[in-house]
Protein backbone atom coordinates (compact mmCIF):
# COMPACT_ATOMS: atom_id res chain seq x y z
CA UNK A 1 -20.90 35.69 -21.17
CA UNK A 2 -19.39 32.31 -20.39
CA UNK A 3 -20.76 29.45 -22.21
CA UNK A 4 -23.23 26.69 -20.84
CA UNK A 5 -20.27 24.05 -21.74
CA UNK A 6 -17.41 25.87 -19.82
CA UNK A 7 -19.76 26.53 -16.87
CA UNK A 8 -20.74 22.91 -16.45
CA UNK A 9 -17.22 21.72 -16.81
CA UNK A 10 -16.02 24.16 -13.94
CA UNK A 11 -18.92 22.62 -11.83
CA UNK A 12 -21.26 25.47 -11.74
CA UNK A 13 -24.84 24.70 -11.84
CA UNK A 14 -26.97 25.47 -15.10
CA UNK A 15 -30.24 25.04 -16.21
CA UNK A 16 -29.83 22.45 -18.52
CA UNK A 17 -26.90 20.11 -19.74
CA UNK A 18 -24.68 21.55 -22.82
CA UNK A 19 -24.93 19.49 -25.85
CA UNK A 20 -22.37 19.06 -28.67
CA UNK A 21 -21.71 15.57 -30.62
CA UNK A 22 -18.35 13.83 -31.54
CA UNK A 23 -17.93 13.82 -35.46
CA UNK A 24 -20.08 16.75 -35.69
CA UNK A 25 -17.94 18.65 -37.83
CA UNK A 26 -19.02 16.90 -41.03
CA UNK A 27 -20.17 13.84 -42.00
CA UNK A 28 -24.00 13.98 -41.54
CA UNK A 29 -24.14 17.78 -42.49
CA UNK A 30 -25.39 18.50 -46.15
CA UNK A 31 -23.40 21.80 -46.21
CA UNK A 32 -20.66 19.77 -45.45
CA UNK A 33 -21.20 17.40 -48.50
CA UNK A 34 -21.28 20.08 -50.42
CA UNK A 35 -17.88 21.25 -49.81
CA UNK A 36 -16.54 18.02 -50.22
CA UNK A 37 -17.69 17.84 -53.76
CA UNK A 38 -15.06 20.66 -54.22
CA UNK A 39 -12.25 19.90 -51.92
CA UNK A 40 -10.77 16.63 -50.39
CA UNK A 41 -10.25 16.28 -46.88
CA UNK A 42 -6.62 17.06 -46.81
CA UNK A 43 -7.54 20.56 -48.51
CA UNK A 44 -10.29 21.19 -46.00
CA UNK A 45 -7.79 20.49 -43.11
CA UNK A 46 -4.94 22.35 -44.85
CA UNK A 47 -6.75 25.75 -45.57
CA UNK A 48 -7.50 27.79 -42.59
CA UNK A 49 -10.55 29.57 -44.02
CA UNK A 50 -12.00 26.21 -45.25
CA UNK A 51 -11.24 24.25 -41.77
CA UNK A 52 -12.61 27.39 -39.81
CA UNK A 53 -16.06 27.09 -41.94
CA UNK A 54 -16.29 23.41 -41.44
CA UNK A 55 -15.57 23.60 -37.81
CA UNK A 56 -18.27 25.95 -37.43
CA UNK A 57 -21.05 24.46 -39.65
CA UNK A 58 -22.29 22.42 -36.54
CA UNK A 59 -22.97 25.73 -35.04
CA UNK A 60 -25.00 27.08 -37.83
CA UNK A 61 -26.74 24.04 -39.03
CA UNK A 62 -26.95 22.13 -35.65
CA UNK A 63 -27.17 24.86 -33.03
CA UNK A 64 -25.11 22.77 -30.61
CA UNK A 65 -23.34 24.49 -27.71
CA UNK A 66 -19.79 24.04 -28.74
CA UNK A 67 -17.48 23.65 -31.63
CA UNK A 68 -14.83 20.79 -32.18
CA UNK A 69 -11.84 21.56 -34.18
CA UNK A 70 -11.79 20.10 -37.77
CA UNK A 71 -8.96 17.93 -37.76
CA UNK A 72 -7.77 14.23 -37.41
CA UNK A 73 -5.96 12.18 -34.66
CA UNK A 74 -3.46 10.87 -37.27
CA UNK A 75 -1.50 14.23 -37.60
CA UNK A 76 0.95 13.19 -34.84
CA UNK A 77 2.04 9.97 -36.28
CA UNK A 78 2.52 12.24 -39.76
CA UNK A 79 4.53 14.65 -37.48
CA UNK A 80 6.40 11.88 -36.32
CA UNK A 81 7.72 10.92 -39.81
CA UNK A 82 4.92 8.66 -40.81
CA UNK A 83 3.57 9.87 -44.13
CA UNK A 84 -0.30 9.51 -43.86
CA UNK A 85 -2.63 9.79 -46.92
CA UNK A 86 -6.14 10.76 -46.33
CA UNK A 87 -8.40 8.65 -49.00
CA UNK A 88 -11.89 7.95 -49.78
CA UNK A 89 -11.59 4.56 -47.80
CA UNK A 90 -9.88 6.21 -44.84
CA UNK A 91 -6.36 7.27 -43.81
CA UNK A 92 -3.27 5.02 -44.41
CA UNK A 93 0.40 5.18 -44.15
CA UNK A 94 2.60 4.95 -46.96
CA UNK A 95 5.43 3.91 -44.27
CA UNK A 96 3.59 2.45 -41.47
CA UNK A 97 5.21 0.54 -38.47
CA UNK A 98 5.94 -3.06 -38.71
CA UNK A 99 7.25 -6.06 -36.63
CA UNK A 100 10.81 -4.56 -36.82
CA UNK A 101 10.10 -1.07 -36.28
CA UNK A 102 12.19 0.75 -33.48
CA UNK A 103 11.34 4.11 -31.69
CA UNK A 104 14.87 5.56 -32.86
CA UNK A 105 13.02 5.66 -36.43
CA UNK A 106 10.41 8.16 -35.34
CA UNK A 107 11.49 11.67 -35.18
CA UNK A 108 8.67 14.50 -34.20
CA UNK A 109 8.75 17.57 -36.35
CA UNK A 110 6.60 19.95 -34.53
CA UNK A 111 6.71 22.44 -37.53
CA UNK A 112 4.71 20.04 -39.41
CA UNK A 113 1.77 20.93 -36.90
CA UNK A 114 1.66 24.58 -37.56
CA UNK A 115 -1.06 24.84 -40.01
CA UNK A 116 -3.42 23.54 -37.20
CA UNK A 117 -2.50 26.38 -34.67
CA UNK A 118 -3.35 28.64 -37.80
CA UNK A 119 -6.79 26.96 -38.01
CA UNK A 120 -7.44 27.40 -34.32
CA UNK A 121 -6.65 30.86 -34.43
CA UNK A 122 -8.81 31.45 -37.61
CA UNK A 123 -11.79 29.59 -35.94
CA UNK A 124 -11.22 32.28 -32.86
CA UNK A 125 -11.84 35.01 -35.54
CA UNK A 126 -14.53 33.74 -37.24
CA UNK A 127 -16.54 32.25 -34.20
CA UNK A 128 -18.97 34.06 -31.70
CA UNK A 129 -17.14 34.77 -28.13
CA UNK A 130 -19.74 32.67 -26.43
CA UNK A 131 -19.05 29.44 -28.64
CA UNK A 132 -16.25 27.31 -27.09
CA UNK A 133 -13.79 25.80 -29.07
CA UNK A 134 -12.68 22.05 -28.32
CA UNK A 135 -9.40 20.87 -29.39
CA UNK A 136 -8.30 17.18 -29.34
CA UNK A 137 -5.78 14.60 -29.98
CA UNK A 138 -5.83 10.88 -30.28
CA UNK A 139 -5.04 8.65 -27.07
CA UNK A 140 -1.57 6.93 -27.00
CA UNK A 141 -3.01 3.43 -27.28
CA UNK A 142 -5.12 4.84 -30.42
CA UNK A 143 -2.60 6.18 -32.23
CA UNK A 144 -0.27 3.35 -31.63
CA UNK A 145 -2.44 0.94 -33.28
CA UNK A 146 -3.07 3.16 -36.24
CA UNK A 147 0.45 3.60 -36.95
CA UNK A 148 0.47 0.10 -38.47
CA UNK A 149 -2.14 0.74 -40.82
CA UNK A 150 -0.74 0.39 -44.63
CA UNK A 151 -2.64 0.42 -47.79
CA UNK A 152 -4.93 -2.61 -48.18
CA UNK A 153 -4.19 -3.58 -44.68
CA UNK A 154 -7.27 -5.17 -42.74
CA UNK A 155 -5.36 -6.61 -39.76
CA UNK A 156 -3.22 -3.71 -38.50
CA UNK A 157 -4.97 -3.72 -34.99
CA UNK A 158 -4.03 -7.29 -34.79
CA UNK A 159 -0.59 -6.57 -35.96
CA UNK A 160 -0.06 -3.59 -33.66
CA UNK A 161 -1.33 -5.84 -30.51
CA UNK A 162 0.77 -8.50 -31.26
CA UNK A 163 3.67 -6.03 -31.53
CA UNK A 164 2.67 -4.45 -28.16
CA UNK A 165 2.96 -8.23 -26.39
CA UNK A 166 5.86 -9.52 -28.31
CA UNK A 167 7.91 -6.30 -28.00
CA UNK A 168 6.93 -4.61 -24.66
CA UNK A 169 10.03 -2.41 -24.06
CA UNK A 170 9.99 -1.18 -27.53
CA UNK A 171 6.14 -0.45 -27.59
CA UNK A 172 6.92 1.51 -24.03
CA UNK A 173 9.41 3.82 -26.26
CA UNK A 174 7.07 4.64 -28.94
CA UNK A 175 4.42 5.19 -26.43
CA UNK A 176 6.80 7.54 -24.76
CA UNK A 177 7.59 9.38 -28.15
CA UNK A 178 3.89 9.61 -28.90
CA UNK A 179 2.99 11.04 -25.32
CA UNK A 180 5.76 13.62 -25.84
CA UNK A 181 4.69 14.88 -29.27
CA UNK A 182 1.01 15.00 -28.21
CA UNK A 183 1.90 17.12 -25.20
CA UNK A 184 3.73 19.65 -27.24
CA UNK A 185 0.84 19.55 -29.58
CA UNK A 186 -1.71 20.03 -26.87
CA UNK A 187 0.36 22.82 -25.46
CA UNK A 188 0.05 24.91 -28.73
CA UNK A 189 -3.57 24.02 -29.18
CA UNK A 190 -4.24 25.71 -25.69
CA UNK A 191 -1.58 28.68 -26.57
CA UNK A 192 -3.50 29.09 -30.21
CA UNK A 193 -6.79 29.36 -28.33
CA UNK A 194 -8.81 26.25 -27.68
CA UNK A 195 -11.22 26.45 -24.56
CA UNK A 196 -11.59 22.64 -23.65
CA UNK A 197 -9.44 19.70 -24.63
CA UNK A 198 -10.61 16.09 -25.47
CA UNK A 199 -8.34 12.85 -25.43
CA UNK A 200 -10.01 10.28 -27.91
CA UNK A 201 -8.59 6.81 -26.90
CA UNK A 202 -11.16 5.10 -29.13
CA UNK A 203 -9.58 1.74 -29.03
CA UNK A 204 -9.22 1.54 -25.25
CA UNK A 205 -10.83 -1.72 -25.15
CA UNK A 206 -8.47 -3.46 -27.66
CA UNK A 207 -6.54 -4.68 -24.36
CA UNK A 208 -7.77 -5.79 -21.07
CA UNK A 209 -8.94 -2.53 -18.92
CA UNK A 210 -6.19 -3.81 -16.33
CA UNK A 211 -3.35 -3.68 -18.90
CA UNK A 212 -4.69 -0.24 -20.12
CA UNK A 213 -4.64 1.33 -16.38
CA UNK A 214 -1.28 -0.20 -15.78
CA UNK A 215 0.42 0.59 -18.99
CA UNK A 216 -1.46 3.24 -20.90
CA UNK A 217 -3.31 5.44 -18.39
CA UNK A 218 -0.36 7.25 -17.25
CA UNK A 219 0.55 8.26 -20.46
CA UNK A 220 -2.88 9.55 -21.09
CA UNK A 221 -2.73 11.20 -17.53
CA UNK A 222 0.33 12.91 -18.88
CA UNK A 223 -1.55 14.43 -22.01
CA UNK A 224 -4.56 15.57 -20.16
CA UNK A 225 -2.68 17.09 -17.49
CA UNK A 226 -0.66 19.14 -20.08
CA UNK A 227 -4.05 20.96 -20.92
CA UNK A 228 -4.98 21.31 -17.23
CA UNK A 229 -1.63 23.23 -16.55
CA UNK A 230 -2.58 25.43 -19.59
CA UNK A 231 -5.90 26.29 -17.62
CA UNK A 232 -7.74 24.34 -20.32
CA UNK A 233 -10.60 21.83 -18.80
CA UNK A 234 -10.27 18.52 -19.98
CA UNK A 235 -12.54 15.63 -21.31
CA UNK A 236 -11.25 11.97 -21.55
CA UNK A 237 -12.95 9.43 -24.10
CA UNK A 238 -11.75 5.95 -22.96
CA UNK A 239 -14.09 4.23 -25.26
CA UNK A 240 -14.81 0.56 -24.15
CA UNK A 241 -12.77 0.75 -20.85
CA UNK A 242 -16.18 -0.44 -19.24
CA UNK A 243 -15.51 -0.89 -15.42
CA UNK A 244 -11.94 0.51 -16.00
CA UNK A 245 -13.60 3.84 -15.68
CA UNK A 246 -13.61 3.17 -12.08
CA UNK A 247 -9.83 3.35 -11.96
CA UNK A 248 -9.91 7.03 -13.26
CA UNK A 249 -8.38 9.50 -10.44
CA UNK A 250 -9.80 12.92 -9.49
CA UNK A 251 -6.56 14.45 -10.79
CA UNK A 252 -6.65 12.70 -14.51
CA UNK A 253 -9.02 14.82 -16.13
CA UNK A 254 -12.34 16.65 -15.37
CA UNK A 255 -14.94 14.86 -17.46
CA UNK A 256 -14.86 11.45 -18.64
CA UNK A 257 -17.12 10.65 -21.75
CA UNK A 258 -19.36 7.40 -21.94
CA UNK A 259 -19.68 5.07 -24.54
CA UNK A 260 -22.96 3.63 -25.34
CA UNK A 261 -22.00 -0.03 -23.84
CA UNK A 262 -22.58 1.20 -20.37
CA UNK A 263 -25.51 2.82 -18.87
CA UNK A 264 -25.01 6.23 -17.74
CA UNK A 265 -26.50 5.59 -14.46
CA UNK A 266 -23.51 2.53 -13.93
CA UNK A 267 -20.97 4.80 -15.36
CA UNK A 268 -22.10 7.70 -12.73
CA UNK A 269 -21.84 5.01 -9.89
CA UNK A 270 -18.42 3.73 -10.41
CA UNK A 271 -16.83 6.91 -11.61
CA UNK A 272 -14.98 9.17 -9.16
CA UNK A 273 -17.78 11.54 -7.86
CA UNK A 274 -15.50 14.60 -7.93
CA UNK A 275 -15.01 14.02 -12.05
CA UNK A 276 -17.80 15.21 -14.49
CA UNK A 277 -19.66 12.73 -16.83
CA UNK A 278 -20.37 13.31 -20.68
CA UNK A 279 -22.28 10.89 -23.00
CA UNK A 280 -23.59 8.52 -23.85
CA UNK A 281 -26.46 8.27 -26.34
CA UNK A 282 -26.22 5.36 -28.94
CA UNK A 283 -25.94 7.13 -32.36
CA UNK A 284 -27.96 4.24 -34.04
CA UNK A 285 -30.99 5.68 -32.23
CA UNK A 286 -31.14 8.15 -34.62
CA UNK A 287 -32.50 5.74 -37.04
CA UNK A 288 -35.60 5.43 -34.95
CA UNK A 289 -38.74 7.43 -35.64
CA UNK A 290 -39.22 10.56 -33.79
CA UNK A 291 -41.25 9.17 -31.03
CA UNK A 292 -38.91 6.49 -29.88
CA UNK A 293 -36.17 9.05 -29.95
CA UNK A 294 -38.34 11.62 -27.88
CA UNK A 295 -39.11 8.47 -25.37
CA UNK A 296 -35.28 7.88 -25.24
CA UNK A 297 -34.52 11.79 -24.11
CA UNK A 298 -37.34 11.63 -21.66
CA UNK A 299 -35.73 8.72 -19.90
CA UNK A 300 -32.73 10.84 -19.30
CA UNK A 301 -34.45 13.95 -17.50
CA UNK A 302 -34.34 12.31 -14.04
CA UNK A 303 -30.45 11.57 -14.52
CA UNK A 304 -30.08 15.15 -15.83
CA UNK A 305 -32.01 16.65 -12.94
CA UNK A 306 -29.93 15.15 -10.56
CA UNK A 307 -26.43 15.48 -12.13
CA UNK A 308 -25.30 19.06 -13.00
CA UNK A 309 -21.89 17.65 -14.03
CA UNK A 310 -23.12 16.05 -17.48
CA UNK A 311 -22.83 16.90 -21.00
CA UNK A 312 -25.13 15.53 -23.40
CA UNK A 313 -23.13 13.82 -26.11
CA UNK A 314 -22.92 10.73 -28.03
CA UNK A 315 -21.17 7.17 -26.96
CA UNK A 316 -19.36 7.58 -30.02
CA UNK A 317 -19.47 9.67 -33.21
CA UNK A 318 -22.15 10.33 -35.55
CA UNK A 319 -22.59 7.46 -38.17
CA UNK A 320 -22.35 9.06 -41.80
CA UNK A 321 -25.95 8.30 -42.93
CA UNK A 322 -27.82 9.96 -39.82
CA UNK A 323 -30.62 12.36 -40.85
CA UNK A 324 -29.27 15.60 -39.56
CA UNK A 325 -32.95 16.46 -39.06
CA UNK A 326 -33.31 14.26 -36.44
CA UNK A 327 -30.12 15.65 -34.82
CA UNK A 328 -31.68 18.99 -34.97
CA UNK A 329 -34.71 17.78 -33.17
CA UNK A 330 -32.56 16.32 -30.39
CA UNK A 331 -30.66 19.63 -29.87
CA UNK A 332 -33.92 21.59 -29.95
CA UNK A 333 -35.16 19.29 -27.38
CA UNK A 334 -32.36 19.30 -25.40
CA UNK A 335 -32.67 23.05 -25.09
CA UNK A 336 -36.17 23.80 -24.59
CA UNK A 337 -36.73 20.59 -22.04
CA UNK A 338 -37.54 21.26 -18.34
CA UNK A 339 -34.58 19.41 -16.57
CA UNK A 340 -36.19 19.99 -13.32
CA UNK A 341 -32.96 21.82 -11.93
C-alpha cells in the first residue's frame, strides 16, 4: 500500500495531511540519548545497523509517517577533501576554506559516500514497506558557508559571505563543484532506495533573496532535478527565503517547505499553485502547555481542509530540550483529527 506521504507528493487527495519532522532522527528521543551514551555521532553514522536503527527510531517512538536518513549535510565537503570532525559542540573542519582558497583545491572523492548508500540499503531492509525513506543533502549556499568553519571559529559565516562578495568568480566555481558533487550524491541515494529527496538550504536567508534567486537558485534547481530525473519526489527547504518563494518555478521541485517566519496562508498565496507546501510549525510551540498546542493545531484545520497538497512539519528542526511526549501528542492529534476533507 502506498504511503500517505507519497500519495500527497503525487498530488492525490488523502483523508489527512502526512506528518513528519525535521531533525526527528535523534535529538529529543530518549532512546537516541541512550545510544549516544555508548556511541559517538561519527560511529552512529558509519555503522549501517546503528544508522538504520536511529533512522527508524521516530517511527517507533513518535509514530510519524516517514523516516529521514540519519546523516549530515557536511558529508559533501568531507568528500570534497575537507576533513570534518563531529564534536560535541558541533562539526568543524580541520582544513576549512579561507580567503585564499581556490576551487582547484577541492577534489570530490565519491567513494567517501559509499557508507551512506550502504546505510540506505540497510534501512530499506529493516523498515516496513509502507514507510517512505527521505534522503537529503545540504543546499549549495549552506554547504558553501559551512566550509569556512574551523575549530573555535565564531565568524565563519561572516567570512564566507565576504568571500562570496569579494571573490564572486571563484565562489561560483566552488558552488559549481558543490553542485556537481551533490548531484552525484543525490543520484546514488535514489539508486540505493530513497523514496523522497529534500534539499536543506538552511542559510538561504544569509544573503538578499534577489541574490539567492539569481546566483544560487539555479544550482539548487539542478540538484533537485537530479532527484526528479530519478523518479524521486522532491521537497525544497529554503529557510528564510521570505517572499523569494514566489520566484520558485513549477519545474524546480514538487513541494516547498516553509519556515516559521512566514504564515502558512501567506506562503500558500505567493507560492506557485502547482507546487505543494510543507511546514511550518514553530518548534518552540512545544514549550507551551497542551492546551496552547491544541489551540494552534485547531487553527490549522481550515487550511488543512482546503489544501490537500500540504505536509505537516516544522518550520525548522526540533530544539534539543523539547519534550518528546508533546510531539507524540501532536502526531496523534493530526492522525485522529477530522480534517474535513
